[in-house]
Amino acid sequence: MNLILKFSHHQFTEIAFIIENSNGYSHSAYEKSVIEESELTIYKPAELVQFIISGLESELYEKETDRIAAYWALSKTFDKNLIPNLKSWLKSELENEKSTAVFQILIALDRLDEPVFPGNRTGQAYNEVELNYKYAKNYLKIK
């Protein structure tokens, strides 16, 4: 049986910092203190990622805000193996009209060099709902 943990918003922040740290990212004193005080450091970053994926796949995170935090933490991995998961979640969030979750997944995919935003776009914002839906549909090839 796979272990599934449900993380709080603060724990997603801890996980993001732990993942960044494992990727060699240089943190501020505050971020370092968050990592040092975290009880989640007993897990390897890859295990934390799997816990998040399992939680998302099992629909453990009913609130959009929880899923947004999960997608944000996963965006720190730079793991292209997450692309199929992110595409699936993007389709689901788009179908359910969860605009901020759609935006966060687009950002995660963009960080993985996926062509989610047109090259001529000068910025990205969560409140550009119709544009973000358009980009998501184009990326997923949905009419």
N, C-alpha and C. Protein backbone atom coordinates (compact mmCIF):
# COMPACT_ATOMS: atom_id res chain seq x y z
N MET A 1 0.84 -1.18 0.00
CA MET A 1 0.00 0.00 0.00
C MET A 1 0.88 1.25 0.00
N ASN A 2 0.55 2.21 -0.87
CA ASN A 2 1.32 3.44 -0.95
C ASN A 2 0.89 4.41 0.13
N LEU A 3 1.87 5.07 0.71
CA LEU A 3 1.61 6.08 1.72
C LEU A 3 1.18 7.36 1.03
N ILE A 4 0.07 7.93 1.48
CA ILE A 4 -0.39 9.20 0.95
C ILE A 4 -0.45 10.18 2.12
N LEU A 5 0.24 11.28 1.96
CA LEU A 5 0.24 12.33 2.97
C LEU A 5 -0.49 13.54 2.42
N LYS A 6 -1.25 14.21 3.27
CA LYS A 6 -1.91 15.45 2.87
C LYS A 6 -1.12 16.60 3.49
N PHE A 7 -0.68 17.49 2.62
CA PHE A 7 0.15 18.60 3.07
C PHE A 7 -0.65 19.88 3.22
N SER A 8 -0.20 20.70 4.16
CA SER A 8 -0.78 22.03 4.35
C SER A 8 -0.09 23.01 3.39
N HIS A 9 -0.62 24.22 3.33
CA HIS A 9 0.02 25.24 2.49
C HIS A 9 1.46 25.49 2.93
N HIS A 10 1.66 25.58 4.23
CA HIS A 10 3.03 25.81 4.72
C HIS A 10 3.94 24.64 4.35
N GLN A 11 3.42 23.44 4.42
CA GLN A 11 4.23 22.28 4.06
C GLN A 11 4.56 22.27 2.57
N PHE A 12 3.65 22.74 1.73
CA PHE A 12 3.98 22.85 0.31
C PHE A 12 5.13 23.84 0.11
N THR A 13 5.14 24.90 0.89
CA THR A 13 6.24 25.86 0.83
C THR A 13 7.54 25.18 1.26
N GLU A 14 7.48 24.43 2.34
CA GLU A 14 8.65 23.68 2.80
C GLU A 14 9.15 22.75 1.70
N ILE A 15 8.23 22.03 1.09
CA ILE A 15 8.60 21.08 0.04
C ILE A 15 9.24 21.80 -1.14
N ALA A 16 8.66 22.92 -1.53
CA ALA A 16 9.24 23.69 -2.65
C ALA A 16 10.68 24.09 -2.33
N PHE A 17 10.91 24.57 -1.12
CA PHE A 17 12.26 24.98 -0.74
C PHE A 17 13.20 23.77 -0.67
N ILE A 18 12.71 22.65 -0.17
CA ILE A 18 13.53 21.42 -0.10
C ILE A 18 13.91 20.98 -1.50
N ILE A 19 12.96 21.01 -2.41
CA ILE A 19 13.23 20.62 -3.80
C ILE A 19 14.23 21.57 -4.43
N GLU A 20 14.00 22.87 -4.26
CA GLU A 20 14.93 23.85 -4.80
C GLU A 20 16.34 23.63 -4.25
N ASN A 21 16.42 23.39 -2.96
CA ASN A 21 17.71 23.16 -2.32
C ASN A 21 18.41 21.95 -2.94
N SER A 22 17.65 20.90 -3.21
CA SER A 22 18.25 19.71 -3.81
C SER A 22 18.72 19.97 -5.24
N ASN A 23 18.16 21.01 -5.86
CA ASN A 23 18.57 21.39 -7.22
C ASN A 23 19.67 22.45 -7.22
N GLY A 24 20.20 22.77 -6.02
CA GLY A 24 21.30 23.70 -5.93
C GLY A 24 20.91 25.16 -5.88
N TYR A 25 19.63 25.45 -5.70
CA TYR A 25 19.17 26.83 -5.62
C TYR A 25 19.69 27.48 -4.34
N SER A 26 20.14 28.71 -4.44
CA SER A 26 20.65 29.45 -3.28
C SER A 26 19.50 30.16 -2.59
N HIS A 27 19.27 29.82 -1.34
CA HIS A 27 18.14 30.37 -0.60
C HIS A 27 18.53 31.52 0.32
N SER A 28 17.53 32.32 0.65
CA SER A 28 17.69 33.39 1.63
C SER A 28 17.78 32.76 3.03
N ALA A 29 18.12 33.58 4.00
CA ALA A 29 18.19 33.10 5.38
C ALA A 29 16.83 32.57 5.83
N TYR A 30 15.76 33.28 5.44
CA TYR A 30 14.41 32.83 5.82
C TYR A 30 14.12 31.46 5.22
N GLU A 31 14.38 31.30 3.94
CA GLU A 31 14.10 30.02 3.27
C GLU A 31 14.93 28.90 3.88
N LYS A 32 16.17 29.19 4.20
CA LYS A 32 17.02 28.19 4.86
C LYS A 32 16.44 27.80 6.21
N SER A 33 15.91 28.77 6.94
CA SER A 33 15.33 28.46 8.25
C SER A 33 14.07 27.60 8.11
N VAL A 34 13.29 27.85 7.06
CA VAL A 34 12.10 27.02 6.81
C VAL A 34 12.52 25.57 6.57
N ILE A 35 13.56 25.39 5.78
CA ILE A 35 14.05 24.03 5.51
C ILE A 35 14.56 23.39 6.80
N GLU A 36 15.36 24.13 7.55
CA GLU A 36 15.95 23.59 8.78
C GLU A 36 14.89 23.19 9.81
N GLU A 37 13.80 23.94 9.85
CA GLU A 37 12.75 23.67 10.84
C GLU A 37 11.73 22.64 10.34
N SER A 38 11.82 22.28 9.09
CA SER A 38 10.83 21.37 8.51
C SER A 38 11.01 19.94 9.01
N GLU A 39 9.90 19.33 9.34
CA GLU A 39 9.92 17.91 9.71
C GLU A 39 9.92 17.03 8.46
N LEU A 40 9.72 17.64 7.30
CA LEU A 40 9.65 16.88 6.05
C LEU A 40 11.02 16.52 5.49
N THR A 41 12.08 17.04 6.10
CA THR A 41 13.42 16.72 5.60
C THR A 41 13.79 15.26 5.84
N ILE A 42 12.96 14.54 6.57
CA ILE A 42 13.22 13.10 6.73
C ILE A 42 12.95 12.34 5.43
N TYR A 43 12.25 13.00 4.50
CA TYR A 43 11.95 12.39 3.21
C TYR A 43 12.89 12.95 2.14
N LYS A 44 13.19 12.12 1.17
CA LYS A 44 13.95 12.57 0.01
C LYS A 44 13.04 13.43 -0.85
N PRO A 45 13.61 14.40 -1.57
CA PRO A 45 12.77 15.23 -2.45
C PRO A 45 11.90 14.41 -3.40
N ALA A 46 12.45 13.35 -3.95
CA ALA A 46 11.67 12.51 -4.88
C ALA A 46 10.48 11.86 -4.18
N GLU A 47 10.64 11.52 -2.91
CA GLU A 47 9.53 10.96 -2.15
C GLU A 47 8.44 12.00 -1.93
N LEU A 48 8.85 13.22 -1.62
CA LEU A 48 7.88 14.30 -1.42
C LEU A 48 7.09 14.55 -2.70
N VAL A 49 7.79 14.52 -3.82
CA VAL A 49 7.12 14.70 -5.12
C VAL A 49 6.09 13.59 -5.32
N GLN A 50 6.47 12.37 -5.02
CA GLN A 50 5.54 11.25 -5.19
C GLN A 50 4.33 11.37 -4.26
N PHE A 51 4.55 11.86 -3.05
CA PHE A 51 3.43 12.08 -2.14
C PHE A 51 2.45 13.10 -2.72
N ILE A 52 3.00 14.16 -3.30
CA ILE A 52 2.14 15.19 -3.90
C ILE A 52 1.36 14.60 -5.07
N ILE A 53 2.06 13.89 -5.94
CA ILE A 53 1.40 13.28 -7.10
C ILE A 53 0.30 12.33 -6.65
N SER A 54 0.61 11.49 -5.68
CA SER A 54 -0.39 10.54 -5.17
C SER A 54 -1.60 11.26 -4.60
N GLY A 55 -1.35 12.34 -3.88
CA GLY A 55 -2.45 13.12 -3.32
C GLY A 55 -3.32 13.75 -4.40
N LEU A 56 -2.68 14.28 -5.44
CA LEU A 56 -3.44 14.87 -6.54
C LEU A 56 -4.21 13.80 -7.31
N GLU A 57 -3.56 12.70 -7.59
CA GLU A 57 -4.20 11.63 -8.35
C GLU A 57 -5.37 11.00 -7.60
N SER A 58 -5.28 10.96 -6.29
CA SER A 58 -6.36 10.37 -5.49
C SER A 58 -7.43 11.40 -5.12
N GLU A 59 -7.28 12.61 -5.65
CA GLU A 59 -8.22 13.71 -5.40
C GLU A 59 -8.32 14.06 -3.91
N LEU A 60 -7.20 13.92 -3.23
CA LEU A 60 -7.11 14.25 -1.82
C LEU A 60 -7.31 15.76 -1.59
N TYR A 61 -6.88 16.54 -2.57
CA TYR A 61 -6.95 17.99 -2.45
C TYR A 61 -8.20 18.51 -3.15
N GLU A 62 -9.26 18.65 -2.38
CA GLU A 62 -10.54 19.09 -2.94
C GLU A 62 -10.56 20.58 -3.23
N LYS A 63 -9.86 21.35 -2.42
CA LYS A 63 -9.85 22.81 -2.59
C LYS A 63 -8.87 23.20 -3.69
N GLU A 64 -9.31 24.11 -4.53
CA GLU A 64 -8.44 24.59 -5.61
C GLU A 64 -7.15 25.19 -5.04
N THR A 65 -7.25 25.90 -3.94
CA THR A 65 -6.05 26.54 -3.36
C THR A 65 -5.01 25.50 -2.95
N ASP A 66 -5.46 24.35 -2.49
CA ASP A 66 -4.52 23.28 -2.14
C ASP A 66 -3.84 22.72 -3.39
N ARG A 67 -4.62 22.54 -4.44
CA ARG A 67 -4.05 22.02 -5.69
C ARG A 67 -3.07 23.02 -6.29
N ILE A 68 -3.40 24.30 -6.21
CA ILE A 68 -2.50 25.33 -6.72
C ILE A 68 -1.16 25.25 -6.00
N ALA A 69 -1.20 25.11 -4.68
CA ALA A 69 0.04 25.00 -3.90
C ALA A 69 0.82 23.75 -4.31
N ALA A 70 0.11 22.67 -4.56
CA ALA A 70 0.76 21.42 -4.99
C ALA A 70 1.43 21.60 -6.35
N TYR A 71 0.71 22.22 -7.30
CA TYR A 71 1.29 22.44 -8.63
C TYR A 71 2.50 23.36 -8.54
N TRP A 72 2.41 24.37 -7.68
CA TRP A 72 3.54 25.29 -7.51
C TRP A 72 4.76 24.54 -6.98
N ALA A 73 4.56 23.71 -5.97
CA ALA A 73 5.68 22.94 -5.41
C ALA A 73 6.28 22.02 -6.48
N LEU A 74 5.43 21.37 -7.25
CA LEU A 74 5.93 20.48 -8.30
C LEU A 74 6.69 21.24 -9.38
N SER A 75 6.33 22.51 -9.58
CA SER A 75 7.01 23.30 -10.62
C SER A 75 8.48 23.53 -10.29
N LYS A 76 8.85 23.30 -9.06
CA LYS A 76 10.24 23.51 -8.63
C LYS A 76 11.15 22.34 -8.99
N THR A 77 10.57 21.24 -9.46
CA THR A 77 11.36 20.04 -9.72
C THR A 77 12.15 20.09 -11.02
N PHE A 78 11.62 20.79 -12.00
CA PHE A 78 12.20 20.79 -13.35
C PHE A 78 12.29 19.38 -13.91
N ASP A 79 11.33 18.54 -13.54
CA ASP A 79 11.30 17.14 -13.96
C ASP A 79 10.32 16.97 -15.13
N LYS A 80 10.87 16.77 -16.31
CA LYS A 80 10.04 16.64 -17.50
C LYS A 80 9.15 15.39 -17.46
N ASN A 81 9.46 14.46 -16.59
CA ASN A 81 8.60 13.28 -16.44
C ASN A 81 7.23 13.64 -15.89
N LEU A 82 7.10 14.84 -15.34
CA LEU A 82 5.82 15.30 -14.80
C LEU A 82 4.88 15.84 -15.89
N ILE A 83 5.38 16.02 -17.09
CA ILE A 83 4.58 16.63 -18.16
C ILE A 83 3.26 15.88 -18.39
N PRO A 84 3.26 14.55 -18.49
CA PRO A 84 1.96 13.87 -18.69
C PRO A 84 0.97 14.14 -17.55
N ASN A 85 1.47 14.14 -16.31
CA ASN A 85 0.60 14.44 -15.17
C ASN A 85 0.06 15.86 -15.27
N LEU A 86 0.95 16.79 -15.55
CA LEU A 86 0.54 18.19 -15.63
C LEU A 86 -0.48 18.41 -16.74
N LYS A 87 -0.30 17.73 -17.87
CA LYS A 87 -1.27 17.83 -18.96
C LYS A 87 -2.64 17.31 -18.52
N SER A 88 -2.64 16.20 -17.84
CA SER A 88 -3.89 15.61 -17.36
C SER A 88 -4.58 16.55 -16.37
N TRP A 89 -3.81 17.08 -15.43
CA TRP A 89 -4.38 18.00 -14.45
C TRP A 89 -4.85 19.30 -15.11
N LEU A 90 -4.11 19.75 -16.12
CA LEU A 90 -4.50 20.96 -16.84
C LEU A 90 -5.86 20.76 -17.51
N LYS A 91 -6.02 19.62 -18.14
CA LYS A 91 -7.30 19.32 -18.81
C LYS A 91 -8.44 19.30 -17.79
N SER A 92 -8.21 18.68 -16.66
CA SER A 92 -9.23 18.59 -15.62
C SER A 92 -9.58 19.97 -15.05
N GLU A 93 -8.56 20.74 -14.74
CA GLU A 93 -8.80 22.07 -14.16
C GLU A 93 -9.48 22.98 -15.19
N LEU A 94 -9.13 22.83 -16.44
CA LEU A 94 -9.76 23.61 -17.51
C LEU A 94 -11.23 23.24 -17.63
N GLU A 95 -11.52 21.94 -17.63
CA GLU A 95 -12.90 21.48 -17.72
C GLU A 95 -13.74 21.97 -16.55
N ASN A 96 -13.11 22.09 -15.39
CA ASN A 96 -13.82 22.55 -14.19
C ASN A 96 -13.74 24.06 -13.99
N GLU A 97 -13.17 24.74 -14.98
CA GLU A 97 -13.06 26.21 -14.98
C GLU A 97 -12.40 26.76 -13.71
N LYS A 98 -11.31 26.15 -13.34
CA LYS A 98 -10.52 26.59 -12.18
C LYS A 98 -9.35 27.42 -12.71
N SER A 99 -9.62 28.70 -12.90
CA SER A 99 -8.70 29.57 -13.64
C SER A 99 -7.32 29.72 -13.02
N THR A 100 -7.24 29.84 -11.71
CA THR A 100 -5.93 30.03 -11.09
C THR A 100 -5.12 28.74 -11.14
N ALA A 101 -5.79 27.61 -10.98
CA ALA A 101 -5.10 26.32 -11.11
C ALA A 101 -4.59 26.14 -12.53
N VAL A 102 -5.40 26.51 -13.51
CA VAL A 102 -4.98 26.43 -14.91
C VAL A 102 -3.71 27.26 -15.10
N PHE A 103 -3.73 28.48 -14.58
CA PHE A 103 -2.57 29.35 -14.73
C PHE A 103 -1.33 28.74 -14.07
N GLN A 104 -1.47 28.20 -12.86
CA GLN A 104 -0.31 27.64 -12.17
C GLN A 104 0.27 26.45 -12.93
N ILE A 105 -0.59 25.64 -13.53
CA ILE A 105 -0.09 24.51 -14.32
C ILE A 105 0.60 25.01 -15.59
N LEU A 106 0.04 26.04 -16.21
CA LEU A 106 0.71 26.62 -17.38
C LEU A 106 2.12 27.09 -17.02
N ILE A 107 2.24 27.72 -15.87
CA ILE A 107 3.56 28.18 -15.41
C ILE A 107 4.49 26.99 -15.19
N ALA A 108 3.98 25.94 -14.56
CA ALA A 108 4.80 24.74 -14.32
C ALA A 108 5.27 24.14 -15.65
N LEU A 109 4.36 24.07 -16.62
CA LEU A 109 4.73 23.53 -17.93
C LEU A 109 5.73 24.44 -18.63
N ASP A 110 5.53 25.73 -18.51
CA ASP A 110 6.46 26.69 -19.11
C ASP A 110 7.87 26.52 -18.52
N ARG A 111 7.94 26.27 -17.23
CA ARG A 111 9.24 26.06 -16.58
C ARG A 111 9.92 24.79 -17.09
N LEU A 112 9.13 23.89 -17.67
CA LEU A 112 9.68 22.67 -18.26
C LEU A 112 9.90 22.82 -19.76
N ASP A 113 9.88 24.07 -20.22
CA ASP A 113 10.10 24.42 -21.63
C ASP A 113 9.03 23.89 -22.56
N GLU A 114 7.84 23.70 -22.02
CA GLU A 114 6.71 23.32 -22.87
C GLU A 114 6.15 24.58 -23.53
N PRO A 115 5.71 24.49 -24.77
CA PRO A 115 5.24 25.67 -25.51
C PRO A 115 3.80 26.07 -25.15
N VAL A 116 3.60 26.49 -23.92
CA VAL A 116 2.25 26.84 -23.47
C VAL A 116 1.89 28.29 -23.77
N PHE A 117 2.88 29.15 -23.80
CA PHE A 117 2.64 30.56 -24.07
C PHE A 117 3.25 30.91 -25.43
N PRO A 118 2.57 31.77 -26.19
CA PRO A 118 3.16 32.18 -27.47
C PRO A 118 4.44 32.99 -27.24
N GLY A 119 5.34 32.89 -28.17
CA GLY A 119 6.63 33.57 -28.04
C GLY A 119 6.52 35.08 -27.94
N ASN A 120 5.44 35.64 -28.46
CA ASN A 120 5.30 37.10 -28.44
C ASN A 120 4.59 37.63 -27.19
N ARG A 121 4.25 36.74 -26.29
CA ARG A 121 3.57 37.19 -25.06
C ARG A 121 4.59 37.87 -24.16
N THR A 122 4.24 39.05 -23.68
CA THR A 122 5.19 39.84 -22.90
C THR A 122 5.05 39.63 -21.40
N GLY A 123 4.01 38.98 -20.95
CA GLY A 123 3.84 38.75 -19.53
C GLY A 123 2.82 37.66 -19.29
N GLN A 124 2.69 37.28 -18.03
CA GLN A 124 1.72 36.26 -17.65
C GLN A 124 1.05 36.72 -16.37
N ALA A 125 -0.25 36.52 -16.31
CA ALA A 125 -0.97 36.91 -15.10
C ALA A 125 -2.13 35.94 -14.87
N TYR A 126 -2.34 35.60 -13.62
CA TYR A 126 -3.41 34.67 -13.28
C TYR A 126 -4.79 35.23 -13.61
N ASN A 127 -4.91 36.57 -13.60
CA ASN A 127 -6.23 37.16 -13.82
C ASN A 127 -6.56 37.38 -15.29
N GLU A 128 -5.70 36.95 -16.18
CA GLU A 128 -6.00 36.98 -17.61
C GLU A 128 -6.68 35.66 -17.97
N VAL A 129 -7.83 35.46 -17.38
CA VAL A 129 -8.51 34.17 -17.42
C VAL A 129 -8.75 33.69 -18.84
N GLU A 130 -9.37 34.51 -19.67
CA GLU A 130 -9.70 34.07 -21.03
C GLU A 130 -8.44 33.75 -21.83
N LEU A 131 -7.42 34.57 -21.68
CA LEU A 131 -6.16 34.29 -22.38
C LEU A 131 -5.55 32.97 -21.90
N ASN A 132 -5.54 32.77 -20.59
CA ASN A 132 -4.96 31.53 -20.05
C ASN A 132 -5.76 30.31 -20.50
N TYR A 133 -7.08 30.43 -20.55
CA TYR A 133 -7.90 29.33 -21.06
C TYR A 133 -7.57 29.07 -22.53
N LYS A 134 -7.40 30.13 -23.28
CA LYS A 134 -7.05 29.99 -24.70
C LYS A 134 -5.71 29.27 -24.85
N TYR A 135 -4.72 29.69 -24.06
CA TYR A 135 -3.40 29.06 -24.13
C TYR A 135 -3.47 27.59 -23.73
N ALA A 136 -4.25 27.30 -22.70
CA ALA A 136 -4.39 25.91 -22.25
C ALA A 136 -5.05 25.06 -23.34
N LYS A 137 -6.10 25.59 -23.94
CA LYS A 137 -6.79 24.85 -25.00
C LYS A 137 -5.88 24.64 -26.20
N ASN A 138 -5.13 25.68 -26.58
CA ASN A 138 -4.20 25.53 -27.70
C ASN A 138 -3.14 24.48 -27.38
N TYR A 139 -2.61 24.52 -26.18
CA TYR A 139 -1.57 23.57 -25.78
C TYR A 139 -2.11 22.14 -25.80
N LEU A 140 -3.32 21.97 -25.29
CA LEU A 140 -3.94 20.64 -25.24
C LEU A 140 -4.60 20.25 -26.56
N LYS A 141 -4.59 21.18 -27.50
CA LYS A 141 -5.21 20.97 -28.82
C LYS A 141 -6.71 20.70 -28.69
N ILE A 142 -7.36 21.52 -27.85
CA ILE A 142 -8.81 21.45 -27.66
C ILE A 142 -9.41 22.64 -28.39
N LYS A 143 -10.46 22.39 -29.13
CA LYS A 143 -11.12 23.48 -29.87
C LYS A 143 -12.18 24.13 -29.02
